[in-house]
Amino acid sequence: MAIDRRRFEGPGRKTEKEGVKSEGEAHGQVVQPTKVEAEVAKPLDEFLGRAQKAYITYLEAQKEVWKAYYETEQRVERDYREAEQKANRGRDEAIEQALILRARADQEAEQARVKAIEQVQQAYANAKEEAKKTYEESLKQASATYKQSIEQDWQVRKEATNRAQKIFL
């Protein structure tokens, strides 16, 4: 029993009804499908239809997977760029804060330097004034000691001279 292959060909193929002749018809013989062939062909046609639908569904699912992959890739890239920009902003803000802190520290250091110089100059002036006072006090004391010493020596000389005159006179 010969199976008519035309029945098993997929959709889009020309069948006997559409003008394609089978081998038997080409030789002038009319071939009638048998009941068994029709019963076998019906489930096979259904199976082929389901297989085609499954294949189309598979292709659509594959497109969805690629679309999801592409969208995920785009989202990951966008998230990376946003994270990079956020990190850049954070770095720039940190640098800006560091510059502000550095300027403030420089200003405070300059103020401390000026204050220290003023204190040193004031200490120098005070020390100089104190040295001058000490010098003047020492000079007064030395002058007073000198005068006192001279007076004592004059007194001793005077007494010695008076004694000598008493002895010789």
Foldseek 3Di string as FASTA:
>chain_A
DDADCQLLDAPPDDHVVNPDDDPQVVVPHDDDDDPVNVVVSVVSRVVRVVVVVVVVVVVVVVVVVVVVVVVVVVVVVVVVVVVVVVVVVVVVVVVVVVVVVVVVVVVVVVVVVVVVVVVVVVVVVVVVVVVVVVVVVVVVVVVVVVVVVVVVVVVVVVVVVVVVVVVVD
